[in-house]
Protein backbone atom coordinates (compact mmCIF):
# COMPACT_ATOMS: atom_id res chain seq x y z
CA MET A 1 11.93 0.46 -18.17
CA ALA A 2 10.29 -3.10 -17.41
CA SER A 3 13.53 -4.80 -16.79
CA GLU A 4 14.75 -1.80 -14.16
CA SER A 5 11.93 -2.26 -12.48
CA LEU A 6 12.42 -6.08 -12.55
CA LEU A 7 15.91 -5.23 -11.44
CA ARG A 8 14.91 -2.73 -8.55
CA ARG A 9 12.13 -5.65 -7.66
CA LEU A 10 15.35 -8.45 -7.25
CA LEU A 11 18.08 -5.96 -5.04
CA LEU A 12 14.52 -4.52 -2.85
CA ASP A 13 13.69 -8.79 -2.44
CA ALA A 14 16.89 -10.37 -2.90
CA VAL A 15 20.33 -8.33 -2.57
CA LEU A 16 18.91 -5.80 -0.68
CA PRO A 17 17.48 -7.61 2.92
CA ALA A 18 21.10 -9.74 2.64
CA THR A 19 23.41 -6.77 2.32
CA LEU A 20 21.56 -4.83 5.51
CA ALA A 21 21.82 -8.35 7.69
CA ALA A 22 25.03 -8.26 6.99
CA LEU A 23 26.22 -4.84 7.71
CA VAL A 24 24.00 -5.25 11.03
CA LEU A 25 26.51 -8.50 12.36
CA VAL A 26 29.06 -6.90 10.85
CA THR A 27 28.77 -3.89 12.66
CA VAL A 28 27.64 -6.11 16.10
CA LEU A 29 30.74 -8.06 15.70
CA THR A 30 32.84 -5.08 15.73
CA VAL A 31 31.04 -3.57 19.00
CA GLN A 32 31.55 -6.51 20.53
CA VAL A 33 35.01 -7.30 19.59
CA ALA A 34 35.84 -3.47 20.88
CA GLY A 35 34.41 -4.20 24.24
CA MET A 36 35.91 -7.35 24.61
CA GLN A 37 39.59 -5.60 24.57
CA GLY A 38 38.10 -3.02 26.65
CA GLU A 39 37.39 -5.55 29.18
CA ARG A 40 40.57 -7.58 28.75
CA ALA A 41 42.86 -4.61 29.20
CA ASP A 42 41.08 -3.38 32.28
CA ALA A 43 41.30 -7.32 33.70
CA ARG A 44 45.03 -7.36 33.03
CA ALA A 45 45.88 -4.01 34.70
CA ALA A 46 43.25 -4.93 37.56
CA LEU A 47 45.27 -8.02 38.09
CA ARG A 48 48.69 -6.29 38.17
CA VAL A 49 47.00 -4.24 40.84
CA GLU A 50 46.23 -7.29 42.43
CA GLN A 51 49.59 -8.95 42.55
CA LEU A 52 51.65 -5.78 43.60
CA ALA A 53 49.49 -5.35 46.53
CA GLY A 54 49.90 -8.96 47.95
CA ALA A 55 53.32 -8.67 47.05
CA LEU A 56 53.62 -5.74 49.10
CA ALA A 57 51.58 -7.16 51.93
CA ALA A 58 53.65 -10.27 52.12
CA ASP A 59 56.89 -9.37 52.15
CA GLN A 60 56.41 -7.10 54.64
CA ALA A 61 58.00 -4.21 52.56
CA LEU A 62 55.26 -1.60 53.39
CA ALA A 63 58.88 0.10 54.73
CA ALA A 64 61.02 0.12 51.33
CA PRO A 65 58.22 -0.86 48.48
CA GLN A 66 60.09 1.11 45.78
CA GLY A 67 61.97 -2.02 44.59
CA PHE A 68 58.22 -3.51 44.26
CA LEU A 69 56.77 -0.40 42.33
CA ASP A 70 59.64 -0.84 39.85
CA GLU A 71 59.20 -4.24 39.73
CA ALA A 72 55.68 -4.14 38.71
CA ARG A 73 56.16 -1.01 35.99
CA ARG A 74 58.91 -3.60 34.32
CA ASP A 75 56.66 -4.99 31.37
CA GLY A 76 55.19 -1.86 30.28
CA LEU A 77 51.28 -2.96 31.55
CA LEU A 78 51.46 -0.34 34.32
CA ARG A 79 52.74 3.42 33.23
CA GLN A 80 52.90 4.81 37.21
CA ALA A 81 52.62 3.26 40.27
CA GLY A 82 52.33 4.31 43.86
CA LEU A 83 52.46 4.31 47.61
CA SER A 84 51.20 6.75 50.08
CA TYR A 85 50.32 6.99 53.63
CA PRO A 86 47.53 9.56 55.08
CA ASP A 87 50.54 10.96 57.52
CA GLY A 88 53.54 9.86 56.26
CA PRO A 89 56.01 9.40 53.36
CA ALA A 90 55.26 8.48 49.52
CA TRP A 91 57.00 6.41 46.97
CA ASN A 92 56.42 6.72 43.54
CA SER A 93 57.36 4.54 40.08
CA GLY A 94 57.11 6.50 36.63
CA SER A 95 55.22 9.87 35.52
CA ALA A 96 51.80 10.41 35.60
CA LEU A 97 49.31 10.13 32.40
CA PRO A 98 46.27 12.62 32.15
CA ASP A 99 43.09 10.97 33.35
CA GLN A 100 41.76 11.33 29.81
CA ASP A 101 44.99 8.76 28.69
CA ALA A 102 45.22 6.53 31.51
CA GLY A 103 42.89 3.63 33.41
CA ASN A 104 43.39 4.72 37.22
CA TYR A 105 43.01 1.79 39.98
CA ARG A 106 43.10 2.67 43.97
CA ARG A 107 43.28 0.04 46.33
CA GLU A 108 43.58 0.17 50.62
CA LEU A 109 46.65 -1.90 52.17
CA ALA A 110 46.29 -3.36 55.68
CA GLY A 111 48.27 -1.33 58.46
CA THR A 112 47.62 0.19 61.58
CA ALA A 113 43.84 1.85 62.29
CA GLY A 114 44.17 5.67 60.64
CA ASN A 115 47.42 4.75 58.90
CA ARG A 116 46.82 2.53 56.34
CA PRO A 117 48.41 2.88 53.28
CA TRP A 118 46.88 3.34 49.36
CA LEU A 119 48.12 1.85 46.57
CA THR A 120 47.51 4.00 43.39
CA ALA A 121 48.39 2.88 39.94
CA GLN A 122 48.11 4.26 36.13
CA ALA A 123 47.68 1.81 32.94
CA ASP A 124 48.16 3.28 29.59
CA LEU A 125 44.96 3.19 27.35
CA GLY A 126 47.24 4.18 24.35
CA PRO A 127 47.55 0.47 23.47
CA LEU A 128 44.07 -0.53 23.71
CA ARG A 129 42.71 2.70 21.84
CA ARG A 130 45.39 1.33 18.86
CA ALA A 131 44.01 -2.13 18.89
CA GLN A 132 40.08 -0.86 19.00
CA ALA A 133 41.00 1.30 15.96
CA VAL A 134 42.45 -1.69 14.20
CA THR A 135 39.16 -3.17 14.63
CA TRP A 136 36.94 -0.34 13.81
CA LEU A 137 39.03 -0.16 10.50
CA LEU A 138 38.88 -3.66 10.15
CA GLY A 139 35.14 -3.54 10.41
CA ALA A 140 34.85 -0.72 8.19
CA LEU A 141 36.80 -2.53 5.14
CA CYS A 142 34.19 -5.67 6.01
CA ALA A 143 31.21 -3.34 5.35
CA CYS A 144 32.75 -1.88 2.32
CA GLY A 145 33.34 -5.37 1.13
CA ILE A 146 29.44 -6.05 1.93
CA LEU A 147 28.13 -3.04 -0.35
CA LEU A 148 30.78 -3.66 -3.32
CA LEU A 149 29.50 -7.62 -3.10
CA GLY A 150 25.77 -5.79 -3.83
CA TRP A 151 27.18 -3.48 -6.43
CA LEU A 152 28.42 -6.83 -8.28
CA ALA A 153 25.37 -8.77 -7.26
CA ARG A 154 23.22 -5.55 -9.13
CA TRP A 155 26.50 -6.42 -11.89
CA SER A 156 25.45 -9.89 -11.98
CA LEU A 157 21.61 -9.79 -11.98
CA ARG A 158 21.90 -6.89 -14.74
CA ARG A 159 24.41 -9.22 -16.91
CA HIS A 160 23.30 -12.45 -16.23
CA VAL A 161 19.36 -11.87 -15.74
CA LEU A 162 17.84 -8.88 -17.27
CA ARG A 163 20.40 -8.46 -20.90
CA PRO A 164 19.22 -12.13 -21.70
CA LEU A 165 15.49 -11.24 -20.80
CA ALA A 166 15.62 -8.82 -22.61
CA GLU A 167 17.18 -10.64 -25.49
CA LEU A 168 14.76 -12.99 -25.31
CA ARG A 169 11.94 -10.44 -25.44
CA ARG A 170 13.51 -8.78 -28.79
CA ALA A 171 14.05 -12.15 -30.27
CA LEU A 172 9.92 -12.89 -29.68
CA GLU A 173 9.01 -9.97 -30.85
CA GLU A 174 11.56 -10.45 -34.38
CA ASP A 175 10.65 -14.02 -34.89
CA ARG A 176 13.90 -15.20 -34.41
CA LEU A 177 16.36 -16.29 -31.95
CA PRO A 178 18.52 -14.47 -29.50
CA PRO A 179 22.53 -15.08 -29.89
CA LEU A 180 23.81 -17.91 -28.17
CA ALA A 181 26.41 -16.06 -26.28
CA VAL A 182 24.26 -13.61 -24.64
CA THR A 183 21.09 -16.10 -23.51
CA ALA A 184 23.31 -19.42 -22.68
CA SER A 185 25.15 -17.60 -19.54
CA THR A 186 22.94 -20.11 -17.64
CA ARG A 187 21.78 -24.01 -17.79
CA GLU A 188 18.25 -22.15 -17.46
CA PHE A 189 18.63 -19.49 -20.34
CA ALA A 190 20.44 -22.37 -22.66
CA GLU A 191 17.62 -24.44 -21.92
CA LEU A 192 14.71 -21.36 -22.35
CA GLU A 193 16.63 -21.11 -25.77
CA ARG A 194 16.26 -24.45 -26.69
CA ALA A 195 12.45 -24.34 -25.94
CA LEU A 196 11.87 -20.74 -27.96
CA GLU A 197 13.72 -22.62 -30.85
CA HIS A 198 11.08 -25.22 -30.85
CA CYS A 199 8.53 -22.93 -30.60
CA LEU A 200 10.32 -20.91 -33.81
CA ALA A 201 10.32 -24.13 -35.83
CA ASP A 202 6.54 -24.82 -35.18
CA GLY A 203 5.73 -20.85 -35.51
CA TRP A 204 4.11 -20.17 -33.05
CA PRO A 205 5.72 -16.61 -32.47
CA ARG A 206 3.67 -15.77 -35.39
CA ALA A 207 0.26 -17.52 -34.33
CA TRP A 208 0.41 -16.45 -31.31
CA HIS A 209 1.10 -12.41 -32.90
CA SER A 210 -1.53 -13.52 -35.40
CA ALA A 211 -3.75 -14.27 -32.15
CA ARG A 212 -3.39 -11.40 -30.79
CA GLN A 213 -3.97 -9.22 -33.61
CA ASP A 214 -7.02 -10.99 -34.34
CA VAL A 215 -8.46 -10.72 -30.52
CA MET A 216 -7.55 -6.54 -30.86
CA ARG A 217 -9.70 -6.32 -33.59
CA GLN A 218 -12.61 -7.87 -32.66
CA ARG A 219 -12.07 -5.61 -29.22
CA HIS A 220 -12.62 -2.51 -31.67
CA ALA A 221 -15.11 -4.13 -33.58
CA ALA A 222 -16.84 -4.81 -30.42
CA ALA A 223 -16.81 -0.82 -30.00
CA ARG A 224 -17.56 0.13 -32.74
CA GLY A 225 -20.47 -1.92 -32.86
CA LYS A 226 -21.45 -1.35 -29.20
CA SER A 227 -21.36 2.70 -30.66
CA ARG A 228 -23.55 1.82 -33.41
CA PHE A 229 -26.24 0.15 -31.41
CA ILE A 230 -26.28 2.90 -28.98
CA ALA A 231 -26.88 5.27 -31.78
CA LEU A 232 -29.68 2.95 -33.72
CA VAL A 233 -31.56 2.70 -30.67
CA ASN A 234 -31.67 5.95 -29.70
CA HIS A 235 -32.66 6.51 -32.80
CA HIS A 236 -35.30 3.92 -33.53
CA LEU A 237 -36.56 2.90 -29.93
CA ARG A 238 -35.87 5.93 -27.58
CA GLN A 239 -37.97 8.80 -29.86
CA PRO A 240 -40.90 6.63 -30.65
CA LEU A 241 -41.20 5.40 -27.02
CA GLN A 242 -40.92 9.38 -25.91
CA ALA A 243 -43.40 10.15 -28.60
CA LEU A 244 -45.60 7.35 -27.13
CA GLN A 245 -45.12 8.65 -23.04
CA LEU A 246 -45.81 11.94 -24.10
CA PHE A 247 -49.21 10.87 -26.45
CA ALA A 248 -50.61 9.02 -23.13
CA ALA A 249 -49.71 11.38 -20.60
CA ASN A 250 -52.09 14.05 -22.97
CA PHE A 251 -55.18 11.73 -24.05
CA ASP A 252 -57.83 12.51 -21.57
CA PRO A 253 -59.91 8.78 -21.49
CA GLY A 254 -63.28 10.83 -19.78
CA PRO A 255 -65.28 9.18 -17.15
CA ASP A 256 -65.56 5.46 -18.47
CA GLN A 257 -63.55 3.50 -15.57
CA ASP A 258 -62.47 1.19 -17.80
CA GLN A 259 -60.71 3.24 -20.53
CA GLN A 260 -59.30 5.35 -17.43
CA ALA A 261 -57.90 1.55 -15.90
CA LEU A 262 -56.31 1.01 -19.88
CA LEU A 263 -54.43 3.97 -20.18
CA ALA A 264 -52.77 3.62 -16.86
CA HIS A 265 -52.06 0.33 -17.58
CA MET A 266 -50.10 1.73 -21.08
CA ARG A 267 -48.90 4.70 -19.02
CA ALA A 268 -47.06 2.13 -16.77
CA SER A 269 -46.14 -0.35 -19.50
CA VAL A 270 -44.26 2.66 -21.72
CA SER A 271 -42.40 3.96 -18.49
CA SER A 272 -41.12 0.30 -18.08
CA MET A 273 -40.45 -0.01 -20.85
CA THR A 274 -38.59 3.23 -20.99
CA ARG A 275 -36.46 2.51 -17.91
CA LEU A 276 -35.55 -0.87 -19.46
CA LEU A 277 -34.28 0.61 -22.75
CA GLU A 278 -32.11 3.71 -21.06
CA GLY A 279 -30.91 1.21 -18.91
CA LEU A 280 -29.74 -0.79 -21.48
CA LEU A 281 -27.83 2.22 -23.23
CA GLU A 282 -26.69 3.24 -20.13
CA ILE A 283 -24.63 -0.29 -19.74
CA SER A 284 -23.70 -0.39 -23.45
CA ARG A 285 -22.59 3.33 -23.20
CA LEU A 286 -20.46 2.29 -20.31
CA ASP A 287 -19.08 -0.31 -21.83
CA ALA A 288 -18.18 1.24 -24.75
CA GLY A 289 -15.52 3.23 -23.65
CA VAL A 290 -17.02 6.64 -24.65
CA VAL A 291 -17.74 7.84 -21.16
CA VAL A 292 -14.79 10.30 -20.26
CA VAL A 293 -13.82 11.06 -16.74
CA ARG A 294 -13.31 14.22 -16.02
CA PRO A 295 -11.17 14.66 -11.94
CA ALA A 296 -12.41 17.95 -10.31
CA GLU A 297 -12.78 19.44 -6.48
CA PHE A 298 -16.60 19.00 -5.04
CA SER A 299 -18.12 19.18 -1.92
CA ALA A 300 -20.40 16.32 -0.25
CA ALA A 301 -22.95 18.72 -0.30
CA GLU A 302 -22.95 19.17 -3.78
CA LEU A 303 -23.07 14.92 -4.23
CA PHE A 304 -25.99 14.44 -1.84
CA LEU A 305 -27.92 17.61 -3.66
CA HIS A 306 -27.84 16.71 -7.17
CA ASP A 307 -30.65 14.26 -6.90
CA ARG A 308 -31.99 14.59 -3.64
CA THR A 309 -35.22 15.67 -4.78
CA TRP A 310 -35.91 12.96 -6.71
CA LEU A 311 -34.70 10.40 -3.76
CA ALA A 312 -36.89 12.27 -1.38
CA GLU A 313 -39.88 11.84 -3.44
CA GLU A 314 -39.33 8.12 -4.00
CA ALA A 315 -38.51 7.74 -0.33
CA ALA A 316 -41.67 9.40 0.58
CA ARG A 317 -44.36 6.71 -1.50
CA ARG A 318 -42.01 3.72 -0.21
CA GLY A 319 -42.79 5.24 3.42
CA VAL A 320 -38.60 5.39 3.49
CA THR A 321 -36.90 7.83 6.17
CA LEU A 322 -34.14 9.35 4.22
CA ILE A 323 -30.96 10.91 6.33
CA TRP A 324 -28.19 12.64 5.32
CA ARG A 325 -24.65 13.28 7.08
CA GLY A 326 -21.52 14.73 6.59
CA SER A 327 -21.87 17.17 3.56
CA HIS A 328 -19.22 18.73 4.67
CA HIS A 329 -16.37 16.76 2.82
CA ARG A 330 -14.82 17.70 -0.19
CA LEU A 331 -13.49 15.11 -2.52
CA HIS A 332 -12.01 15.10 -6.00
CA GLY A 333 -12.97 12.92 -9.15
CA ASP A 334 -15.77 13.35 -11.68
CA ALA A 335 -18.88 14.40 -10.02
CA GLU A 336 -21.10 13.42 -12.62
CA LEU A 337 -20.18 9.70 -12.59
CA ALA A 338 -20.06 9.71 -8.39
CA ALA A 339 -23.34 11.32 -8.78
CA GLY A 340 -24.82 8.70 -10.99
CA LEU A 341 -22.88 6.25 -8.57
CA LEU A 342 -24.73 7.23 -5.33
CA LEU A 343 -28.09 7.95 -7.03
CA GLN A 344 -27.79 3.67 -8.53
CA LEU A 345 -27.15 2.98 -4.60
CA ALA A 346 -29.58 5.24 -3.10
CA SER A 347 -32.79 3.97 -5.21
CA ASN A 348 -31.80 0.56 -4.33
CA ALA A 349 -31.71 1.30 -1.25
CA ILE A 350 -35.23 2.77 -0.86
CA ALA A 351 -36.08 0.02 -3.21
CA ASN A 352 -35.34 -2.83 -0.89
CA ALA A 353 -36.12 -0.74 2.63
CA PRO A 354 -40.16 -0.34 1.87
CA MET A 355 -41.14 1.56 5.51
CA GLY A 356 -37.65 1.28 6.65
CA ARG A 357 -34.71 3.94 6.83
CA VAL A 358 -31.91 5.24 4.75
CA LEU A 359 -28.58 6.53 5.61
CA ILE A 360 -26.83 8.21 3.38
CA ALA A 361 -23.60 9.30 4.59
CA ALA A 362 -20.21 10.53 3.83
CA ARG A 363 -16.86 10.00 6.16
CA ARG A 364 -12.84 9.93 6.33
CA HIS A 365 -11.51 6.68 5.88
CA ASP A 366 -7.90 6.37 6.09
CA HIS A 367 -6.77 9.12 3.21
CA ALA A 368 -10.20 9.06 1.12
CA VAL A 369 -13.91 10.03 2.11
CA ARG A 370 -16.28 7.21 2.06
CA ILE A 371 -19.75 7.57 0.88
CA GLU A 372 -21.82 4.91 2.33
CA VAL A 373 -25.45 3.94 1.66
CA ARG A 374 -27.17 1.94 4.46
CA ASP A 375 -30.47 0.59 5.07
CA ASN A 376 -32.42 -1.79 7.35
CA GLY A 377 -34.15 -3.97 4.42
CA PRO A 378 -34.00 -7.97 4.79
CA GLY A 379 -30.34 -8.07 3.93
CA ILE A 380 -28.08 -10.33 1.81
CA ALA A 381 -26.78 -13.85 2.27
CA GLN A 382 -23.00 -13.83 1.90
CA ASP A 383 -23.54 -16.28 -1.11
CA HIS A 384 -25.44 -13.82 -3.07
CA GLN A 385 -23.36 -10.57 -2.66
CA GLN A 386 -21.30 -10.98 -5.89
CA GLN A 387 -24.40 -12.38 -7.80
CA ILE A 388 -26.70 -9.21 -7.44
CA PHE A 389 -23.88 -6.86 -9.59
CA GLU A 390 -24.82 -8.77 -12.36
CA GLU A 391 -27.17 -7.53 -15.25
CA PHE A 392 -31.05 -8.77 -14.95
CA VAL A 393 -30.67 -10.44 -11.54
CA GLN A 394 -33.12 -9.44 -8.47
CA LEU A 395 -33.29 -11.64 -5.39
CA PRO A 396 -36.30 -13.08 -4.43
CA ASP A 397 -38.14 -11.44 -1.49
CA ALA A 398 -41.29 -12.75 0.92
CA GLU A 399 -42.43 -9.60 1.22
CA ASN A 400 -42.45 -7.79 -1.55
CA PRO A 401 -42.36 -10.66 -4.37
CA ARG A 402 -43.56 -7.96 -7.71
CA ARG A 403 -40.87 -5.33 -7.56
CA ASP A 404 -40.36 -2.98 -10.05
CA GLY A 405 -36.84 -2.77 -11.84
CA TYR A 406 -35.10 -4.81 -14.09
CA GLY A 407 -31.65 -5.67 -11.53
CA LEU A 408 -29.75 -2.98 -13.77
CA GLY A 409 -28.92 -0.47 -11.21
CA LEU A 410 -26.29 -1.86 -9.40
CA THR A 411 -25.03 -3.64 -12.69
CA ILE A 412 -24.53 0.07 -13.75
CA GLY A 413 -23.05 1.08 -10.69
CA ASP A 414 -20.11 -1.49 -10.69
CA ARG A 415 -19.28 -0.21 -14.05
CA LEU A 416 -19.15 3.80 -12.61
CA ALA A 417 -17.56 2.84 -10.25
CA ARG A 418 -14.59 1.05 -11.91
CA LEU A 419 -14.15 4.24 -14.73
CA LEU A 420 -13.94 6.45 -11.30
CA GLY A 421 -11.29 4.43 -10.34
CA THR A 422 -12.70 2.61 -7.01
CA HIS A 423 -15.23 -0.28 -6.37
CA ILE A 424 -18.30 -0.66 -4.79
CA GLY A 425 -18.23 -2.79 -1.31
CA LEU A 426 -20.84 -4.32 0.31
CA ARG A 427 -21.37 -5.43 4.41
CA SER A 428 -24.70 -6.90 4.17
CA ALA A 429 -26.67 -10.50 6.05
CA PRO A 430 -29.95 -11.85 6.38
CA GLY A 431 -32.46 -9.70 8.58
CA GLN A 432 -29.19 -7.21 9.18
CA GLY A 433 -30.08 -4.78 6.47
CA SER A 434 -26.97 -3.40 3.66
CA THR A 435 -24.63 -1.26 3.48
CA PHE A 436 -23.09 -0.09 0.31
CA TRP A 437 -19.56 2.05 0.33
CA PHE A 438 -17.66 3.37 -2.58
CA ASP A 439 -14.55 5.47 -1.44
CA LEU A 440 -13.32 8.77 -3.27
CA PRO A 441 -10.11 10.83 -3.20
CA GLU A 442 -9.97 13.73 -0.36
CA ALA A 443 -9.60 16.85 -2.46
CA PRO A 444 -5.59 18.24 -2.01
CA LEU A 445 -4.97 21.06 -0.03
CA ALA A 446 -4.22 23.56 -2.61
CA GLU A 447 -7.14 22.56 -4.71
CA ARG A 448 -9.18 23.51 -1.81
CA ARG A 449 -7.95 26.92 -1.31
CA ALA A 450 -7.87 27.56 -5.30
CA PRO A 451 -10.85 29.37 -6.49
CA ARG A 452 -13.85 27.04 -7.82
CA GLY A 453 -14.30 27.50 -11.64
CA ARG A 454 -18.12 26.86 -12.86
CA HIS A 455 -18.72 23.38 -13.29
CA GLY A 456 -20.55 21.75 -16.71
CA PRO A 457 -23.70 20.74 -16.83
CA TRP A 458 -25.14 17.86 -14.45
CA SER A 459 -26.16 15.09 -17.01
CA ALA A 460 -29.27 13.54 -16.88
CA TRP A 461 -28.69 10.74 -15.08
CA ARG A 462 -31.86 8.65 -14.12
CA ARG A 463 -32.61 5.10 -11.95
CA ALA A 464 -32.36 1.85 -14.02
CA GLY A 465 -34.00 -0.15 -11.46
């Protein structure tokens, strides 16, 4: 399968352009040669008519022109020649041809006013058409030869390039040398075979296979370790934190101000630890490859409504005006993952634009629907725009140096985007706000018409900070 793909690539990149260029060149040359043949035949016939007209005028032979007319037809160039007066006699030599088979020429000669003779002639187009047919036949033969050469190039590529490459690949997989008759068809493959022989002598393929197997085992072990980490952290840390948060919520310190302040600090600390733990667990879950993507058709309105209440409360707490646009679009993808990605981008925009505005919009972009989150916050410098997607990265803010959160929201969003088969785009500059976006496919028309089933429960995504 890979060899066929390489063959198609070589044909498209090398053989096909040369073949098309040669076919175009042959066609242009054939058309030019056929046109020049027609022009040359027309010029010869017109010259013969001019010579006949000059002979009739020079010899004062207008009274008896029959001999000149017969002489002009002797070499076969003119099929018919005639001389006629408007109100007098007429002379003719040869038989007339149908108009579609002849080239007609007509010239007025000098004579008395009102009675000037007219010289007419017909040239046979049969030889010209036969010559042009031969030209087109030769052009067609050249085109067939070019196509044959293209096919031979395909055969040569398969025989002298693809087969040796396939044999070398099998030799690497089987830890052996390929047959010399196959790979040494060119000097380059002979050199490649010698290099392979040295590698086999050094035991390189075995070491390479062993290293690759070690890497695969390490990856599987890391994935199993992450799964065990998720289970252990969920059991030994998350549940006690949830219980501690519940106890703190139900504890009544009474009228003592110090006790109330201490309880408020304790609740804030528990909430902060819970949010950090949930963010770490979410990153581990996404990296472990245990999240199953379930694509389906849904609307932008459903996507916007999923966490709209929480976002509205958070925006009101920070004095941010939240605006929604474009909820009529239909999308295709995993609705839960898309909602989690939008939540991370929107909560990040709200946190970075206090007392400002945040626009969440969906609009058509090429053949997809683009979900945009735009804020009028401080903006991000160009050299920091890739750094913000790393874990625990928070850019310094002169107006709000002690922001809450741990710099995990965009990290989680980046992993969610990759699961959705898209990426997070960013357009920002200092003092001009930021615009984050991601693209999702439009729902196909057939899917839009189909009756929609009931979706499963939405997962409880939370802002990681």
